[in-house]
Protein backbone atom coordinates (compact mmCIF):
# COMPACT_ATOMS: atom_id res chain seq x y z
CA MET A 1 -34.20 76.05 78.07
CA SER A 2 -31.13 74.61 76.34
CA ASP A 3 -28.04 76.74 75.90
CA HIS A 4 -27.58 75.22 72.42
CA GLN A 5 -30.66 76.40 70.56
CA GLY A 6 -31.23 76.17 66.84
CA HIS A 7 -33.82 76.27 64.10
CA ILE A 8 -34.98 72.75 63.15
CA LEU A 9 -37.21 71.71 60.26
CA ILE A 10 -39.11 68.41 60.78
CA VAL A 11 -40.33 66.68 57.61
CA ASP A 12 -42.71 63.74 58.10
CA ASP A 13 -46.01 62.74 56.49
CA THR A 14 -47.29 61.31 59.77
CA PRO A 15 -49.02 64.09 61.79
CA ASP A 16 -48.54 62.26 65.11
CA ASN A 17 -44.78 62.14 64.59
CA LEU A 18 -44.75 65.85 63.72
CA ARG A 19 -46.72 66.80 66.83
CA LEU A 20 -44.59 64.67 69.16
CA LEU A 21 -41.24 65.87 67.85
CA SER A 22 -42.37 69.48 67.52
CA LYS A 23 -43.65 69.62 71.10
CA THR A 24 -40.66 67.87 72.59
CA LEU A 25 -38.05 69.91 70.72
CA SER A 26 -39.85 73.18 71.41
CA GLU A 27 -39.80 72.41 75.12
CA GLN A 28 -36.03 72.03 74.84
CA GLY A 29 -35.71 75.55 73.46
CA TYR A 30 -35.42 74.85 69.74
CA GLU A 31 -37.25 76.86 67.12
CA VAL A 32 -39.28 74.23 65.26
CA GLN A 33 -40.90 74.29 61.83
CA CYS A 34 -42.89 71.40 60.33
CA ALA A 35 -43.58 70.18 56.79
CA ILE A 36 -45.89 67.28 55.99
CA ASN A 37 -44.34 66.39 52.61
CA GLY A 38 -41.22 66.90 50.52
CA LYS A 39 -42.63 69.69 48.36
CA LEU A 40 -43.56 71.82 51.37
CA ALA A 41 -40.18 71.06 52.93
CA LEU A 42 -38.31 72.43 49.90
CA MET A 43 -40.47 75.56 49.92
CA ALA A 44 -39.85 76.06 53.65
CA VAL A 45 -36.09 75.74 53.25
CA GLN A 46 -36.03 78.32 50.46
CA HIS A 47 -38.07 80.74 52.54
CA GLN A 48 -36.13 80.31 55.79
CA PRO A 49 -33.12 77.96 55.77
CA PRO A 50 -32.99 75.99 59.05
CA ASP A 51 -29.91 75.00 61.03
CA LEU A 52 -30.82 71.30 60.77
CA ILE A 53 -33.41 69.06 59.09
CA LEU A 54 -35.02 65.89 60.51
CA LEU A 55 -36.17 64.10 57.37
CA ASP A 56 -38.44 61.08 56.91
CA ILE A 57 -37.73 58.84 53.91
CA LYS A 58 -41.05 57.28 52.90
CA MET A 59 -43.27 60.16 51.76
CA PRO A 60 -45.64 60.53 48.77
CA GLU A 61 -44.57 62.26 45.51
CA ILE A 62 -41.09 63.33 46.69
CA ASP A 63 -39.38 60.98 49.13
CA GLY A 64 -36.69 61.95 51.62
CA TYR A 65 -33.83 60.82 49.41
CA GLU A 66 -34.87 63.15 46.59
CA VAL A 67 -35.46 66.04 49.00
CA CYS A 68 -31.93 65.64 50.35
CA GLU A 69 -30.42 65.36 46.87
CA ARG A 70 -32.13 68.59 45.76
CA LEU A 71 -30.89 70.43 48.83
CA LYS A 72 -27.32 69.29 48.31
CA ARG A 73 -27.36 70.42 44.66
CA GLN A 74 -28.05 74.03 45.65
CA GLU A 75 -25.23 76.14 47.03
CA GLU A 76 -27.54 78.02 49.42
CA THR A 77 -28.78 74.84 51.13
CA ALA A 78 -25.96 72.34 50.60
CA ALA A 79 -24.40 72.95 54.02
CA ILE A 80 -27.59 72.31 56.03
CA PRO A 81 -27.12 69.03 57.95
CA VAL A 82 -29.82 66.40 57.29
CA ILE A 83 -30.60 63.64 59.80
CA PHE A 84 -32.76 60.90 58.33
CA LEU A 85 -35.49 59.67 60.67
CA SER A 86 -37.08 56.52 59.25
CA ALA A 87 -38.63 53.13 60.04
CA LEU A 88 -36.49 51.61 57.27
CA ASP A 89 -33.82 49.56 59.00
CA ASP A 90 -32.09 47.89 56.07
CA VAL A 91 -28.38 48.53 55.54
CA PHE A 92 -29.09 49.48 51.91
CA ASP A 93 -31.44 52.29 53.05
CA LYS A 94 -28.91 53.62 55.52
CA VAL A 95 -26.08 53.56 52.98
CA LYS A 96 -28.25 55.37 50.43
CA ALA A 97 -29.14 57.99 53.05
CA PHE A 98 -25.48 58.79 53.57
CA THR A 99 -24.78 58.62 49.82
CA VAL A 100 -27.32 61.37 49.02
CA GLY A 101 -25.83 63.65 51.67
CA GLY A 102 -27.28 62.73 55.06
CA VAL A 103 -25.06 63.24 58.10
CA ASP A 104 -26.85 60.80 60.46
CA TYR A 105 -29.60 58.15 60.53
CA ILE A 106 -32.08 57.42 63.32
CA THR A 107 -34.33 54.38 63.14
CA LYS A 108 -37.96 54.54 64.23
CA PRO A 109 -39.21 53.91 66.83
CA PHE A 110 -36.64 56.15 68.45
CA GLN A 111 -35.67 57.20 71.95
CA ILE A 112 -36.12 60.94 72.33
CA GLU A 113 -32.85 61.19 74.30
CA GLU A 114 -31.03 59.71 71.31
CA VAL A 115 -32.65 62.26 69.02
CA PHE A 116 -31.55 65.10 71.34
CA ALA A 117 -27.99 63.81 71.46
CA ARG A 118 -27.69 63.44 67.68
CA ILE A 119 -29.27 66.85 67.07
CA GLU A 120 -26.91 68.55 69.51
CA ASN A 121 -23.94 66.79 67.96
CA GLN A 122 -24.79 68.06 64.49
CA LEU A 123 -25.68 71.57 65.65
CA THR A 124 -22.38 71.79 67.51
CA ILE A 125 -20.54 70.79 64.34
CA ARG A 126 -22.60 73.36 62.42
CA ARG A 127 -21.75 76.13 64.89
CA LEU A 128 -18.07 75.25 64.78
CA GLN A 129 -18.16 75.32 60.97
CA ARG A 130 -19.75 78.76 61.03
CA GLN A 131 -17.21 80.02 63.55
CA LEU A 132 -14.45 78.71 61.32
CA GLN A 133 -16.01 80.41 58.30
CA ASP A 134 -16.27 83.69 60.22
CA LYS A 135 -12.66 83.43 61.33
CA ASN A 136 -11.56 82.60 57.78
CA LEU A 137 -13.48 85.63 56.53
CA LYS A 138 -11.85 87.87 59.13
CA LEU A 139 -8.47 86.37 58.27
CA GLU A 140 -9.09 87.12 54.59
CA GLN A 141 -10.02 90.70 55.47
CA LEU A 142 -6.86 91.04 57.56
CA ASN A 143 -4.82 89.63 54.69
CA GLN A 144 -6.35 92.19 52.34
CA GLU A 145 -5.57 94.98 54.82
CA LEU A 146 -2.02 93.66 55.09
CA GLN A 147 -1.68 93.63 51.32
CA ARG A 148 -2.89 97.23 51.14
CA SER A 149 -0.51 98.21 53.93
CA ASN A 150 2.36 96.49 52.15
CA GLN A 151 1.44 98.28 48.94
CA GLU A 152 1.46 101.62 50.72
CA LEU A 153 4.77 100.74 52.34
CA GLU A 154 6.26 99.96 48.93
CA GLU A 155 4.94 103.24 47.57
CA PHE A 156 6.32 105.05 50.59
CA ALA A 157 9.73 103.49 49.95
CA TYR A 158 9.50 104.75 46.38
CA VAL A 159 8.75 108.28 47.56
CA VAL A 160 11.65 108.19 50.00
CA SER A 161 14.04 106.88 47.35
CA HIS A 162 12.81 109.07 44.51
CA ASP A 163 10.84 112.17 45.45
CA LEU A 164 12.94 112.99 48.51
CA GLN A 165 16.21 112.37 46.67
CA GLN A 166 15.63 115.15 44.18
CA PRO A 167 15.35 118.01 46.71
CA LEU A 168 18.14 116.45 48.77
CA GLN A 169 20.42 116.41 45.73
CA THR A 170 19.59 120.05 45.08
CA ILE A 171 20.35 120.99 48.69
CA THR A 172 23.60 119.07 48.87
CA GLY A 173 24.62 120.16 45.38
CA PHE A 174 24.31 123.86 46.10
CA ALA A 175 25.89 123.43 49.52
CA GLU A 176 28.91 121.71 47.95
CA LEU A 177 29.11 124.45 45.33
CA LEU A 178 29.17 127.12 48.02
CA LEU A 179 32.00 125.35 49.80
CA ALA A 180 33.97 124.91 46.59
CA LEU A 181 33.61 128.53 45.54
CA LYS A 182 33.86 130.26 48.90
CA SER A 183 37.44 131.34 48.19
CA GLU A 184 36.67 132.54 44.65
CA ILE A 185 33.41 134.49 45.04
CA ASN A 186 32.01 137.23 47.16
CA LEU A 187 29.68 135.08 49.26
CA GLU A 188 27.50 138.04 50.21
CA GLU A 189 26.73 138.89 46.56
CA GLU A 190 26.17 135.32 45.48
CA ALA A 191 24.39 134.09 48.64
CA GLU A 192 20.82 134.71 47.48
CA GLU A 193 21.33 132.95 44.14
CA TYR A 194 22.62 129.78 45.80
CA VAL A 195 20.83 129.80 49.13
CA SER A 196 17.29 130.43 47.77
CA PRO A 197 17.05 127.04 45.98
CA ILE A 198 18.32 125.36 49.13
CA LEU A 199 15.57 126.96 51.20
CA GLU A 200 12.87 126.21 48.60
CA GLU A 201 13.79 122.55 48.34
CA GLY A 202 14.11 122.25 52.11
CA ILE A 203 10.61 123.66 52.58
CA ARG A 204 9.30 121.26 49.92
CA MET A 205 10.83 118.33 51.82
CA GLN A 206 9.30 119.51 55.08
CA GLU A 207 5.84 119.75 53.48
CA LEU A 208 6.10 116.30 51.95
CA ILE A 209 7.24 114.69 55.19
CA GLN A 210 4.51 116.51 57.14
CA ASN A 211 1.86 115.25 54.69
CA LEU A 212 3.14 111.70 55.02
CA LEU A 213 2.99 111.96 58.80
CA GLU A 214 -0.58 113.33 58.67
CA TYR A 215 -1.65 110.46 56.44
CA SER A 216 -0.13 107.84 58.74
CA ARG A 217 -1.78 109.37 61.81
CA VAL A 218 -5.36 109.35 60.50
CA GLY A 219 -5.96 105.65 61.12
CA THR A 220 -3.95 105.32 64.31
CA LYS A 221 -5.09 108.40 66.20
CA LYS A 222 -7.22 107.75 69.27
CA ARG A 223 -10.92 108.25 68.62
CA ASN A 224 -12.04 111.74 69.59
CA PHE A 225 -15.57 112.03 68.21
CA GLU A 226 -17.86 114.68 69.63
CA PRO A 227 -20.72 116.93 68.44
CA THR A 228 -19.07 119.15 65.84
CA ASP A 229 -20.47 122.24 64.12
CA CYS A 230 -19.37 121.92 60.49
CA GLN A 231 -20.15 125.60 59.92
CA GLU A 232 -17.51 126.51 62.50
CA ILE A 233 -15.12 123.94 61.03
CA LEU A 234 -15.57 125.53 57.58
CA ARG A 235 -14.93 129.02 58.99
CA LYS A 236 -11.63 127.92 60.54
CA SER A 237 -10.61 126.05 57.39
CA LEU A 238 -11.15 129.16 55.28
CA GLY A 239 -9.05 131.09 57.79
CA HIS A 240 -6.18 128.67 57.27
CA LEU A 241 -6.57 129.08 53.51
CA HIS A 242 -6.75 132.90 53.70
CA SER A 243 -3.49 133.53 51.84
CA ALA A 244 -4.33 131.12 49.01
CA ILE A 245 -7.83 132.59 48.69
CA GLU A 246 -6.50 136.15 48.58
CA GLU A 247 -3.75 135.34 46.10
CA SER A 248 -6.05 133.45 43.71
CA ARG A 249 -9.06 135.77 44.32
CA ALA A 250 -11.12 132.62 44.79
CA ILE A 251 -14.86 132.87 45.43
CA ILE A 252 -16.08 130.54 48.20
CA ALA A 253 -19.84 129.98 48.59
CA SER A 254 -21.48 127.72 51.15
CA GLU A 255 -24.86 126.62 52.44
CA THR A 256 -25.45 126.42 56.19
CA LEU A 257 -23.74 123.22 57.33
CA PRO A 258 -25.04 120.84 60.03
CA THR A 259 -23.73 119.69 63.39
CA LEU A 260 -22.66 116.05 63.48
CA LYS A 261 -20.48 113.69 65.50
CA GLY A 262 -16.85 113.60 64.47
CA ASP A 263 -13.22 114.48 65.04
CA ARG A 264 -12.94 118.28 64.83
CA ILE A 265 -9.32 118.33 63.72
CA GLN A 266 -9.75 115.69 61.02
CA LEU A 267 -12.96 117.23 59.67
CA GLY A 268 -11.06 120.50 59.44
CA GLN A 269 -8.38 118.71 57.41
CA LEU A 270 -11.09 117.27 55.18
CA PHE A 271 -12.68 120.63 54.31
CA GLN A 272 -9.32 122.39 54.03
CA ASN A 273 -7.87 119.77 51.68
CA LEU A 274 -10.89 119.67 49.37
CA ILE A 275 -11.26 123.47 49.18
CA GLY A 276 -7.52 123.94 48.83
CA ASN A 277 -7.54 121.38 46.04
CA GLY A 278 -10.13 123.43 44.14
CA ILE A 279 -8.05 126.58 44.54
CA LYS A 280 -4.75 124.99 43.54
CA TYR A 281 -5.99 123.25 40.40
CA GLN A 282 -7.55 126.34 38.83
CA ARG A 283 -7.74 126.89 35.11
CA PRO A 284 -5.39 129.56 33.71
CA ASN A 285 -6.97 133.03 33.74
CA ILE A 286 -10.17 131.68 35.35
CA GLN A 287 -11.15 132.96 38.79
CA PRO A 288 -11.57 129.93 41.09
CA LYS A 289 -15.04 129.32 42.48
CA ILE A 290 -15.78 126.66 45.11
CA VAL A 291 -19.32 125.89 46.26
CA ILE A 292 -19.94 123.82 49.41
CA SER A 293 -23.44 122.37 49.82
CA VAL A 294 -25.11 119.64 51.85
CA GLN A 295 -28.19 117.44 51.52
CA GLU A 296 -29.93 115.66 54.38
CA LYS A 297 -30.49 111.93 53.96
CA PRO A 298 -32.36 109.54 56.34
CA GLU A 299 -29.23 108.43 58.20
CA GLU A 300 -26.46 110.69 56.90
CA TRP A 301 -25.45 114.04 55.40
CA LEU A 302 -24.33 114.20 51.77
CA PHE A 303 -21.75 116.98 51.23
CA ARG A 304 -20.65 118.45 47.90
CA VAL A 305 -17.52 120.49 47.23
CA GLU A 306 -17.73 121.76 43.65
CA ASP A 307 -15.02 123.71 41.80
CA ASN A 308 -14.50 125.14 38.32
CA GLY A 309 -10.90 124.00 37.98
CA ILE A 310 -9.02 121.99 35.40
CA GLY A 311 -10.99 118.79 36.11
CA ILE A 312 -9.87 115.17 36.22
CA LYS A 313 -9.89 112.68 33.37
CA PRO A 314 -12.12 109.60 33.93
CA GLU A 315 -9.20 107.18 33.67
CA ASN A 316 -7.70 108.82 36.76
CA PHE A 317 -10.79 108.57 39.00
CA ASP A 318 -9.54 105.37 40.65
CA ARG A 319 -6.07 106.80 41.28
CA ILE A 320 -7.04 110.15 42.75
CA PHE A 321 -7.60 108.87 46.32
CA GLN A 322 -4.51 106.63 46.38
CA VAL A 323 -1.58 107.79 48.44
CA PHE A 324 1.42 109.25 46.55
CA GLN A 325 -0.52 109.39 43.26
CA ARG A 326 0.14 112.71 41.48
CA LEU A 327 -1.53 113.53 38.15
CA HIS A 328 0.63 116.58 37.40
CA THR A 329 4.29 117.57 37.66
CA HIS A 330 5.52 119.38 40.73
CA GLN A 331 6.44 122.35 38.54
CA ASP A 332 2.89 122.73 37.19
CA TYR A 333 1.02 122.09 40.43
CA PRO A 334 3.17 121.70 43.57
CA GLY A 335 2.07 119.02 45.99
CA SER A 336 2.83 115.62 47.45
CA GLY A 337 -0.13 113.54 46.19
CA VAL A 338 -1.21 112.78 49.75
CA GLY A 339 -4.02 115.30 50.41
CA LEU A 340 -6.91 113.40 48.84
CA ALA A 341 -5.70 110.10 50.29
CA ILE A 342 -5.94 111.77 53.72
CA CYS A 343 -9.51 112.87 52.87
CA LYS A 344 -10.47 109.30 52.04
CA LYS A 345 -9.05 107.92 55.28
CA ILE A 346 -10.81 110.60 57.32
CA VAL A 347 -14.20 109.99 55.70
CA GLU A 348 -13.93 106.20 56.06
CA ARG A 349 -12.88 106.58 59.69
CA HIS A 350 -16.15 108.47 60.20
CA GLN A 351 -18.09 105.58 58.54
CA GLY A 352 -18.70 107.60 55.38
CA LYS A 353 -17.89 107.33 51.69
CA ILE A 354 -16.17 109.72 49.29
CA TRP A 355 -16.26 109.87 45.49
CA LEU A 356 -16.11 112.40 42.68
CA GLU A 357 -17.59 113.52 39.41
CA SER A 358 -15.45 115.54 37.03
CA GLU A 359 -15.27 116.86 33.49
CA TRP A 360 -11.86 117.61 32.07
CA GLY A 361 -11.47 121.34 31.47
CA THR A 362 -14.67 122.22 33.31
CA GLY A 363 -14.36 121.32 37.00
CA THR A 364 -14.71 118.68 39.68
CA THR A 365 -17.28 117.87 42.35
CA PHE A 366 -16.27 115.84 45.39
CA TYR A 367 -19.04 114.06 47.31
CA PHE A 368 -18.72 112.62 50.78
CA THR A 369 -21.15 111.30 53.38
CA LEU A 370 -20.99 111.60 57.16
CA PRO A 371 -23.43 109.98 59.62
CA LYS A 372 -25.90 112.15 61.48
CA LEU A 373 -25.34 113.06 65.10
CA ASP A 374 -27.37 110.08 66.39
CA GLN A 375 -26.17 107.53 63.81
CA GLY A 376 -23.13 105.25 63.56
CA ASN A 377 -21.44 102.70 65.76
CA TYR A 378 -18.58 104.95 66.86
CA GLU A 379 -17.49 102.70 69.71
CA LYS A 380 -15.70 100.42 67.24
CA LEU A 381 -13.71 103.22 65.65
């Protein structure tokens, strides 16, 4: 069997020609389909586009020229190479064959070795074209990834130059003030007033930098997927959020969660960030309530994390998962604008999707999917 196989459609109104070519090409390892007239050929191409067409010219109703012209007018079939196979030996006929879109012309009676050679030549060209298209597609995808990376890098530079400057200015400003006044004030009495802002802004900087590092690590961390009990992950996440839950008196309710294949640490980040988000963005004088539920789908689990917080306006839905995008001032709701971007990267790394529904002033529900234990091509992650 040939190493260069392909799907070939033979179109000829002479049954003997069809039988001969079909048998010979099949023996060479090609997948062969036959059509006895132009109308059937067009129907066959629409149903299952071949890699190459051997097309007779003189046929009733619709001749080979018209068949080729129709194929070349349609985007789905225009790239299929057509080799004309005809008893017509006039230069005019050959020129017309190439004019309507044919890539080659074989005159009957033909030598089967010549047919093989011309078929293989065109199929090789076709394969190379497809490989080039695939590489161009991958290149386009890489370019898009590069553009996104560049965008994130620009946004990171903005954070470094803007968000980090403010706490740094506070730290350096109070430090300079302490040095300037050390001979004029009782440092022990004034220490708390000046040192407390320095500590607060320093802690804020540490949190922001740590969040940025966590975000950058999600996509580059070595794959560590294993059977993971989400119920246990949720328990640990709530433990990490114990102080916030106690302080806000938040109510956390959950269904029994499944076991799936994933990165334990990152799934813990996912649950902790989404639940913590619901606690942080609570409505004034409203006790926070977060409900975690899950629904089994044929190939995945659909999780819901629902809160009764301040909600998100529809015009901000597209921004909410972008890194460094904050919808509120630091004074109103402290944070770096990185937490939900981390959630998105974690879910996508696990071959899932994440989205939200929200009503301003009522609450927000985050949805995300994760493949079941026996689903997903994790080797590529």
